[in-house]
Amino acid sequence: MKILVLNSGSSSVKYKLIDTAGAEPKTLAEGGVEKIGLPGGFLKFKLADGSKEIVELGHIDHNDAIKAILANLTEEKVGCIADYKEIDAVGHRVVHGGEKFSSSVIIDDDVKAKIRECYDIAPLHNPANMTGIEAITAIMPDVPQVGVFDTAFHQTMPAKAYMYALPYKYYEEDGVRRYGFHGTSHRYVSERVCEFLGEDITKKRIITCHIGNGASMAAVDGGKCVDTSMGLTPVEGLMMGTRVGDVDPGALTYLMTKHGLTAEQLQNIINKESGVLGISGLSNDMREIEAAVAAGDKRATLALDMYQLRITKYIGAYAAEMGGVDIIVFTGGVGENQTGVRSDVCSTLGFMGVEIDLAVNAATRGTETVISTPESRVKVVVIPTDEELMIARDTEALVKK
């Protein structure tokens, strides 16, 4: 089955065409359209030899972007299919499903309505995701579509983990609670690490660390998520590239009052001006931060120390919550590639029986690798995430069903 996986944002559409036939799924094409709704829109895609090519598109909307992707997939020289009708199904990443979706679903009018009902709590993401769904509906009305929700995996959390200590009416009336995000990634790596190690996931306590520009962690006990670091929105939890993470709400109301900030201005500060960028004043890219640290930059050093401490604190909290931990997984752009972050975080976890092989860790970037020593009581593993494959698998299973 050929499945087109789409991740539609407000100004971009990322895609991957995956063929699930055969023993192993095969990626036939991947790329993305950038600067949708802005001058100078373009399509960037990967060629068979691994190189990348850019096609200028000009001022485009999401329908134009989807058409450009389909045209590229069927283009005589660089395409991989003869006709877009060869696409059997389309799987969409949808950021927020609220309490409405605990698993992936075939998209119909009722599902679309429920996705729209989540606009209030995901105003930056769900409307953008819906544009991709509607574009496919317009261009390929007969192809089945599946919604795979970032929040679905976390719906197994107990109320004691997802509730906020606010007046209960705000949960009942407004749905204010912890939902969590990156669920597709947390689900993939928790399942994959057990396959990789030959372990039974139902018997393991796993902490998954999806560490990148956006970052979250999850406690996975017996294959079920029991807690996660992101909340009602993706701002809560770990310190991120530009997001603030955990912060005293009183500090925010203090700043609003003192500086006369609007809600929109505060949203911009906590989403786009904070985190590693806000502390370092340099960048939200961990590679640039590590280079600045090596050069002796004090604020970059503080940013890195804060970033790593948050990860360590959540690992400790989740181990306590589950009564121990058997496996720690690092994934995401930083988790997979920044060896220093992994070693520094793990260096403080010796009391839990964590011991990593420094040489193996230093040589591991973007590959499935056990970086703990044979003596370590906790397995520490790098597992590159593959959310698109997870979306393709869910899409195939639902369409076949």
Protein backbone atom coordinates (compact mmCIF):
# COMPACT_ATOMS: atom_id res chain seq x y z
CA MET A 1 0.00 0.00 0.00
CA LYS A 2 1.34 3.44 -0.96
CA ILE A 3 0.57 5.95 1.77
CA LEU A 4 1.17 9.69 1.62
CA VAL A 5 1.95 11.08 5.08
CA LEU A 6 1.28 14.80 5.51
CA ASN A 7 2.21 17.21 8.29
CA SER A 8 0.48 20.47 7.48
CA GLY A 9 1.58 23.57 9.38
CA SER A 10 0.48 27.17 9.10
CA SER A 11 3.13 27.98 6.48
CA SER A 12 4.48 24.57 5.48
CA VAL A 13 3.49 21.07 4.42
CA LYS A 14 5.97 18.25 5.03
CA TYR A 15 5.38 14.95 3.27
CA LYS A 16 6.65 11.43 2.90
CA LEU A 17 5.40 8.74 0.52
CA ILE A 18 5.81 5.30 2.08
CA ASP A 19 5.26 1.92 0.42
CA THR A 20 4.27 -0.56 3.12
CA ALA A 21 4.32 -3.57 0.81
CA GLY A 22 7.06 -6.13 1.35
CA ALA A 23 9.00 -7.16 4.43
CA GLU A 24 10.15 -3.63 5.25
CA PRO A 25 8.37 -0.31 4.53
CA LYS A 26 10.16 1.79 1.93
CA THR A 27 10.25 5.58 1.68
CA LEU A 28 9.67 6.44 -1.96
CA ALA A 29 9.82 10.24 -1.64
CA GLU A 30 10.06 12.97 0.99
CA GLY A 31 10.23 16.71 1.16
CA GLY A 32 8.18 19.75 2.01
CA VAL A 33 6.68 23.00 0.83
CA GLU A 34 7.75 26.11 2.75
CA LYS A 35 6.56 29.72 2.97
CA ILE A 36 2.91 28.99 2.22
CA GLY A 37 0.92 32.22 2.13
CA LEU A 38 4.11 34.24 1.79
CA PRO A 39 6.12 35.49 -1.18
CA GLY A 40 8.73 33.05 -2.42
CA GLY A 41 7.09 29.72 -1.61
CA PHE A 42 9.15 26.69 -2.62
CA LEU A 43 9.20 22.90 -2.64
CA LYS A 44 12.32 21.15 -1.36
CA PHE A 45 12.59 17.40 -1.90
CA LYS A 46 15.14 14.64 -1.63
CA LEU A 47 16.42 12.87 -4.73
CA ALA A 48 17.23 9.17 -4.97
CA ASP A 49 20.95 9.83 -4.40
CA GLY A 50 20.22 11.72 -1.18
CA SER A 51 20.80 15.18 -2.60
CA LYS A 52 18.11 17.85 -2.39
CA GLU A 53 16.45 19.96 -5.05
CA ILE A 54 14.32 23.10 -4.81
CA VAL A 55 11.40 24.12 -7.02
CA GLU A 56 10.27 27.77 -6.76
CA LEU A 57 6.48 28.07 -6.44
CA GLY A 58 5.81 31.75 -5.76
CA HIS A 59 2.85 32.88 -3.68
CA ILE A 60 0.78 29.75 -2.90
CA ASP A 61 -1.91 28.45 -0.55
CA HIS A 62 -2.26 24.95 0.94
CA ASN A 63 -4.21 23.64 -2.05
CA ASP A 64 -1.39 24.81 -4.32
CA ALA A 65 1.15 23.17 -2.00
CA ILE A 66 -0.62 19.80 -2.13
CA LYS A 67 -0.92 20.07 -5.92
CA ALA A 68 2.81 20.85 -6.15
CA ILE A 69 3.64 17.80 -4.04
CA LEU A 70 1.46 15.53 -6.18
CA ALA A 71 2.92 16.99 -9.35
CA ASN A 72 6.42 16.36 -8.06
CA LEU A 73 5.62 12.78 -7.10
CA THR A 74 4.41 12.12 -10.67
CA GLU A 75 7.03 14.22 -12.50
CA GLU A 76 8.74 12.21 -15.27
CA LYS A 77 12.37 12.76 -14.22
CA VAL A 78 12.24 13.00 -10.40
CA GLY A 79 8.89 11.41 -9.55
CA CYS A 80 8.33 7.92 -8.17
CA ILE A 81 4.77 7.16 -9.30
CA ALA A 82 3.08 7.46 -12.68
CA ASP A 83 -0.20 8.86 -11.37
CA TYR A 84 -1.28 10.19 -7.98
CA LYS A 85 -4.13 7.69 -8.12
CA GLU A 86 -1.49 5.13 -7.13
CA ILE A 87 -1.69 6.67 -3.65
CA ASP A 88 -3.94 4.33 -1.66
CA ALA A 89 -4.44 6.49 1.43
CA VAL A 90 -3.29 9.69 3.14
CA GLY A 91 -2.28 9.84 6.80
CA HIS A 92 -2.34 13.23 8.52
CA ARG A 93 -0.53 14.33 11.64
CA VAL A 94 -3.09 16.17 13.78
CA VAL A 95 -1.66 17.90 16.83
CA HIS A 96 -4.60 18.05 19.22
CA GLY A 97 -7.38 15.54 19.69
CA GLY A 98 -8.35 16.60 23.21
CA GLU A 99 -10.27 13.84 25.01
CA LYS A 100 -12.12 13.07 21.79
CA PHE A 101 -9.51 10.72 20.29
CA SER A 102 -7.53 8.03 22.08
CA SER A 103 -6.40 6.39 18.84
CA SER A 104 -6.05 7.11 15.14
CA VAL A 105 -9.27 7.30 13.09
CA ILE A 106 -10.59 7.35 9.55
CA ILE A 107 -11.43 10.98 8.79
CA ASP A 108 -15.08 11.72 8.04
CA ASP A 109 -17.29 14.75 8.58
CA ASP A 110 -17.80 13.91 12.26
CA VAL A 111 -14.04 13.64 12.84
CA LYS A 112 -13.49 16.95 11.05
CA ALA A 113 -16.05 18.60 13.31
CA LYS A 114 -14.31 17.25 16.42
CA ILE A 115 -10.92 18.45 15.18
CA ARG A 116 -12.43 21.92 14.73
CA GLU A 117 -13.79 21.75 18.29
CA CYS A 118 -10.15 21.63 19.44
CA TYR A 119 -9.26 24.89 17.67
CA ASP A 120 -9.60 26.87 20.90
CA ILE A 121 -6.92 24.85 22.70
CA ALA A 122 -4.66 24.41 19.65
CA PRO A 123 -5.13 27.60 17.61
CA LEU A 124 -1.68 27.44 16.03
CA HIS A 125 -1.84 23.80 14.99
CA ASN A 126 -5.28 22.26 14.40
CA PRO A 127 -6.49 24.82 11.83
CA ALA A 128 -3.26 24.27 9.89
CA ASN A 129 -3.68 20.49 10.09
CA MET A 130 -7.25 20.88 8.81
CA THR A 131 -6.07 22.82 5.75
CA GLY A 132 -4.13 19.74 4.65
CA ILE A 133 -7.15 17.50 5.19
CA GLU A 134 -9.44 19.82 3.23
CA ALA A 135 -6.89 20.19 0.43
CA ILE A 136 -6.72 16.41 -0.04
CA THR A 137 -10.53 16.23 0.13
CA ALA A 138 -10.74 18.77 -2.69
CA ILE A 139 -8.03 17.26 -4.89
CA MET A 140 -8.43 13.54 -4.15
CA PRO A 141 -12.01 13.19 -2.84
CA ASP A 142 -12.11 9.39 -3.08
CA VAL A 143 -8.87 8.58 -1.27
CA PRO A 144 -9.31 7.48 2.38
CA GLN A 145 -7.73 9.77 4.96
CA VAL A 146 -6.62 8.96 8.50
CA GLY A 147 -5.96 11.33 11.40
CA VAL A 148 -3.13 10.41 13.77
CA PHE A 149 -3.18 12.58 16.90
CA ASP A 150 -0.16 13.77 18.89
CA THR A 151 -2.28 13.63 22.03
CA ALA A 152 -3.80 10.15 21.58
CA PHE A 153 -1.02 8.08 23.16
CA HIS A 154 -1.24 10.10 26.37
CA GLN A 155 -4.96 9.43 26.87
CA THR A 156 -4.08 6.46 29.11
CA MET A 157 -2.79 8.83 31.81
CA PRO A 158 -4.73 8.62 35.08
CA ALA A 159 -6.58 11.70 36.28
CA LYS A 160 -4.04 12.27 39.07
CA ALA A 161 -1.40 12.82 36.36
CA TYR A 162 -3.37 14.89 33.89
CA MET A 163 -5.41 17.16 36.16
CA TYR A 164 -4.30 20.64 37.17
CA ALA A 165 -5.07 21.89 40.69
CA LEU A 166 -7.34 24.61 39.33
CA PRO A 167 -11.04 24.87 40.19
CA TYR A 168 -12.61 21.70 38.79
CA LYS A 169 -15.11 23.68 36.75
CA TYR A 170 -12.34 24.71 34.33
CA TYR A 171 -11.80 21.06 33.49
CA GLU A 172 -15.51 20.32 33.21
CA GLU A 173 -16.43 23.43 31.23
CA ASP A 174 -13.25 24.26 29.29
CA GLY A 175 -11.28 21.01 29.11
CA VAL A 176 -8.25 22.48 30.90
CA ARG A 177 -5.95 19.55 31.73
CA ARG A 178 -2.65 18.03 30.66
CA TYR A 179 -2.92 16.40 27.23
CA GLY A 180 0.70 15.97 26.19
CA PHE A 181 2.18 16.01 22.70
CA HIS A 182 4.75 14.13 20.56
CA GLY A 183 2.61 11.08 21.35
CA THR A 184 3.26 9.42 18.00
CA SER A 185 7.00 9.65 18.64
CA HIS A 186 6.76 8.42 22.24
CA ARG A 187 4.64 5.49 21.10
CA TYR A 188 7.01 4.61 18.27
CA VAL A 189 10.24 4.68 20.28
CA SER A 190 8.79 2.88 23.31
CA GLU A 191 7.60 0.06 21.03
CA ARG A 192 10.72 0.06 18.88
CA VAL A 193 13.18 -0.03 21.77
CA CYS A 194 11.55 -3.20 23.08
CA GLU A 195 11.68 -4.77 19.61
CA PHE A 196 15.33 -3.73 19.35
CA LEU A 197 16.21 -5.21 22.76
CA GLY A 198 13.99 -8.27 22.42
CA GLU A 199 11.95 -7.28 25.47
CA ASP A 200 8.25 -7.55 26.30
CA ILE A 201 6.92 -3.98 26.50
CA THR A 202 4.11 -5.04 28.83
CA LYS A 203 6.71 -5.85 31.49
CA LYS A 204 8.93 -2.77 31.15
CA ARG A 205 9.03 0.68 32.71
CA ILE A 206 10.32 3.08 30.07
CA ILE A 207 11.17 6.78 30.09
CA THR A 208 11.15 8.25 26.59
CA CYS A 209 13.05 11.51 26.03
CA HIS A 210 12.00 13.25 22.81
CA ILE A 211 14.60 16.00 22.93
CA GLY A 212 14.82 18.59 20.20
CA ASN A 213 13.88 22.20 19.55
CA GLY A 214 10.52 21.11 20.89
CA ALA A 215 11.01 18.61 23.71
CA SER A 216 8.91 16.35 25.90
CA MET A 217 9.23 13.23 28.00
CA ALA A 218 6.88 10.42 28.85
CA ALA A 219 6.64 7.71 31.49
CA VAL A 220 5.52 4.49 29.78
CA ASP A 221 4.60 1.64 32.09
CA GLY A 222 3.72 -1.67 30.47
CA GLY A 223 3.29 0.01 27.10
CA LYS A 224 0.86 2.65 28.42
CA CYS A 225 1.64 6.30 28.98
CA VAL A 226 1.15 7.19 32.65
CA ASP A 227 2.59 10.72 32.58
CA THR A 228 4.12 13.24 30.21
CA SER A 229 5.78 16.63 30.49
CA MET A 230 3.82 18.80 28.03
CA GLY A 231 0.43 20.03 29.16
CA LEU A 232 -2.66 21.73 27.80
CA THR A 233 -0.29 23.20 25.20
CA PRO A 234 3.24 22.27 24.09
CA VAL A 235 4.71 25.04 26.29
CA GLU A 236 4.79 23.16 29.62
CA GLY A 237 7.58 20.88 30.78
CA LEU A 238 11.14 20.82 29.56
CA MET A 239 13.12 23.90 28.61
CA MET A 240 13.06 23.97 24.79
CA GLY A 241 14.63 25.85 21.93
CA THR A 242 12.35 28.87 22.23
CA ARG A 243 9.62 27.68 24.64
CA VAL A 244 9.84 28.46 28.32
CA GLY A 245 8.76 25.11 29.77
CA ASP A 246 7.85 24.96 33.45
CA VAL A 247 7.50 28.43 34.96
CA ASP A 248 5.70 29.95 37.96
CA PRO A 249 2.37 31.27 36.57
CA GLY A 250 2.73 34.10 39.05
CA ALA A 251 5.84 35.25 37.19
CA LEU A 252 3.78 35.55 34.02
CA THR A 253 0.97 37.56 35.60
CA TYR A 254 3.61 39.75 37.27
CA LEU A 255 5.22 40.50 33.88
CA MET A 256 1.84 41.13 32.25
CA THR A 257 0.94 43.65 34.93
CA LYS A 258 4.32 45.36 35.14
CA HIS A 259 4.86 45.71 31.39
CA GLY A 260 1.25 45.95 30.24
CA LEU A 261 1.60 42.86 28.08
CA THR A 262 -1.35 41.54 26.11
CA ALA A 263 -2.14 37.83 26.07
CA GLU A 264 -0.83 37.70 22.50
CA GLN A 265 2.46 39.35 23.50
CA LEU A 266 2.88 36.94 26.39
CA GLN A 267 2.15 34.00 24.11
CA ASN A 268 4.90 35.20 21.81
CA ILE A 269 7.37 35.53 24.69
CA ILE A 270 6.76 32.06 26.14
CA ASN A 271 6.62 30.32 22.73
CA LYS A 272 9.18 32.14 20.60
CA GLU A 273 11.52 34.22 22.76
CA SER A 274 12.26 31.99 25.74
CA GLY A 275 14.02 28.68 26.34
CA VAL A 276 17.57 28.19 25.15
CA LEU A 277 17.33 31.25 22.91
CA GLY A 278 16.02 33.46 25.69
CA ILE A 279 18.71 32.49 28.20
CA SER A 280 21.69 32.35 25.84
CA GLY A 281 20.73 35.35 23.71
CA LEU A 282 22.46 33.52 20.87
CA SER A 283 20.49 30.71 19.30
CA ASN A 284 17.96 27.93 19.80
CA ASP A 285 20.25 25.48 17.97
CA MET A 286 22.03 23.20 20.45
CA ARG A 287 25.01 22.80 18.11
CA GLU A 288 25.63 26.54 18.24
CA ILE A 289 25.11 26.55 22.01
CA GLU A 290 27.67 23.78 22.52
CA ALA A 291 30.17 25.67 20.34
CA ALA A 292 29.58 28.81 22.43
CA VAL A 293 30.03 26.82 25.64
CA ALA A 294 33.35 25.49 24.33
CA ALA A 295 34.37 29.11 23.67
CA GLY A 296 33.58 30.04 27.28
CA ASP A 297 30.29 31.91 26.81
CA LYS A 298 28.69 32.12 30.28
CA ARG A 299 25.06 32.54 29.18
CA ALA A 300 25.33 29.67 26.73
CA THR A 301 26.76 27.56 29.55
CA LEU A 302 23.86 28.54 31.82
CA ALA A 303 21.35 27.70 29.07
CA LEU A 304 22.88 24.27 28.52
CA ASP A 305 23.04 23.54 32.25
CA MET A 306 19.38 24.50 32.68
CA TYR A 307 18.34 22.48 29.63
CA GLN A 308 20.05 19.34 30.92
CA LEU A 309 18.88 19.77 34.52
CA ARG A 310 15.22 19.78 33.43
CA ILE A 311 15.73 16.45 31.63
CA THR A 312 17.43 14.97 34.69
CA LYS A 313 14.64 16.14 37.01
CA TYR A 314 11.92 14.57 34.88
CA ILE A 315 13.81 11.27 34.63
CA GLY A 316 14.04 11.19 38.42
CA ALA A 317 10.39 12.10 38.85
CA TYR A 318 9.15 9.50 36.38
CA ALA A 319 11.35 6.76 37.87
CA ALA A 320 9.84 7.54 41.27
CA GLU A 321 6.33 7.60 39.80
CA MET A 322 6.71 4.17 38.21
CA GLY A 323 8.63 2.65 41.13
CA GLY A 324 11.78 2.35 39.03
CA VAL A 325 12.85 2.37 35.41
CA ASP A 326 14.15 -0.37 33.13
CA ILE A 327 14.87 1.57 29.92
CA ILE A 328 15.65 5.19 29.11
CA VAL A 329 15.30 6.17 25.45
CA PHE A 330 16.82 9.24 23.81
CA THR A 331 15.28 10.42 20.54
CA GLY A 332 14.65 13.65 18.59
CA GLY A 333 17.24 15.91 16.99
CA VAL A 334 19.17 16.57 20.20
CA GLY A 335 18.52 13.20 21.82
CA GLU A 336 19.77 11.34 18.76
CA ASN A 337 22.78 13.48 17.93
CA GLN A 338 24.07 15.61 20.82
CA THR A 339 26.33 13.17 22.63
CA GLY A 340 27.32 15.68 25.30
CA VAL A 341 23.73 16.22 26.43
CA ARG A 342 23.21 12.46 26.82
CA SER A 343 26.44 11.92 28.76
CA ASP A 344 25.90 14.93 31.05
CA VAL A 345 22.32 13.92 31.87
CA CYS A 346 23.26 10.29 32.52
CA SER A 347 26.29 11.21 34.63
CA THR A 348 23.95 12.30 37.43
CA LEU A 349 21.87 9.09 37.39
CA GLY A 350 24.39 6.69 38.89
CA PHE A 351 22.27 6.41 42.05
CA MET A 352 19.62 4.74 39.86
CA GLY A 353 22.10 2.28 38.45
CA VAL A 354 22.60 4.14 35.17
CA GLU A 355 26.05 3.74 33.67
CA ILE A 356 26.79 4.66 30.06
CA ASP A 357 29.73 3.65 27.89
CA LEU A 358 31.32 7.01 27.13
CA ALA A 359 33.12 5.77 24.02
CA VAL A 360 30.00 4.18 22.54
CA ASN A 361 27.94 7.25 23.40
CA ALA A 362 30.47 9.60 21.77
CA ALA A 363 30.34 7.57 18.56
CA THR A 364 26.55 7.31 18.39
CA ARG A 365 24.61 9.75 16.25
CA GLY A 366 21.25 8.93 14.71
CA THR A 367 21.56 5.13 14.96
CA GLU A 368 19.82 2.54 17.10
CA THR A 369 22.42 1.87 19.78
CA VAL A 370 22.62 0.74 23.39
CA ILE A 371 24.89 3.34 25.01
CA SER A 372 24.78 1.90 28.54
CA THR A 373 27.38 -0.56 29.80
CA PRO A 374 26.56 -4.25 30.30
CA GLU A 375 26.74 -3.60 34.05
CA SER A 376 24.18 -0.78 33.99
CA ARG A 377 20.97 -1.70 35.83
CA VAL A 378 19.05 0.55 33.42
CA LYS A 379 19.34 0.16 29.65
CA VAL A 380 20.02 3.51 27.98
CA VAL A 381 19.28 3.42 24.25
CA VAL A 382 19.29 5.83 21.32
CA ILE A 383 16.32 5.17 19.00
CA PRO A 384 15.80 7.55 16.05
CA THR A 385 12.14 8.43 15.92
CA ASP A 386 10.00 7.77 12.86
CA GLU A 387 6.63 9.42 13.32
CA GLU A 388 5.87 9.16 9.60
CA LEU A 389 6.25 5.38 9.70
CA MET A 390 3.96 5.22 12.72
CA ILE A 391 1.37 7.32 10.86
CA ALA A 392 1.71 5.10 7.77
CA ARG A 393 1.24 1.95 9.86
CA ASP A 394 -1.88 3.31 11.54
CA THR A 395 -3.26 4.46 8.20
CA GLU A 396 -2.68 1.09 6.57
CA ALA A 397 -4.27 -0.81 9.46
CA LEU A 398 -7.39 1.37 9.51
CA VAL A 399 -7.86 1.41 5.74
CA LYS A 400 -7.46 -2.37 5.50
CA LYS A 401 -9.87 -2.84 8.37
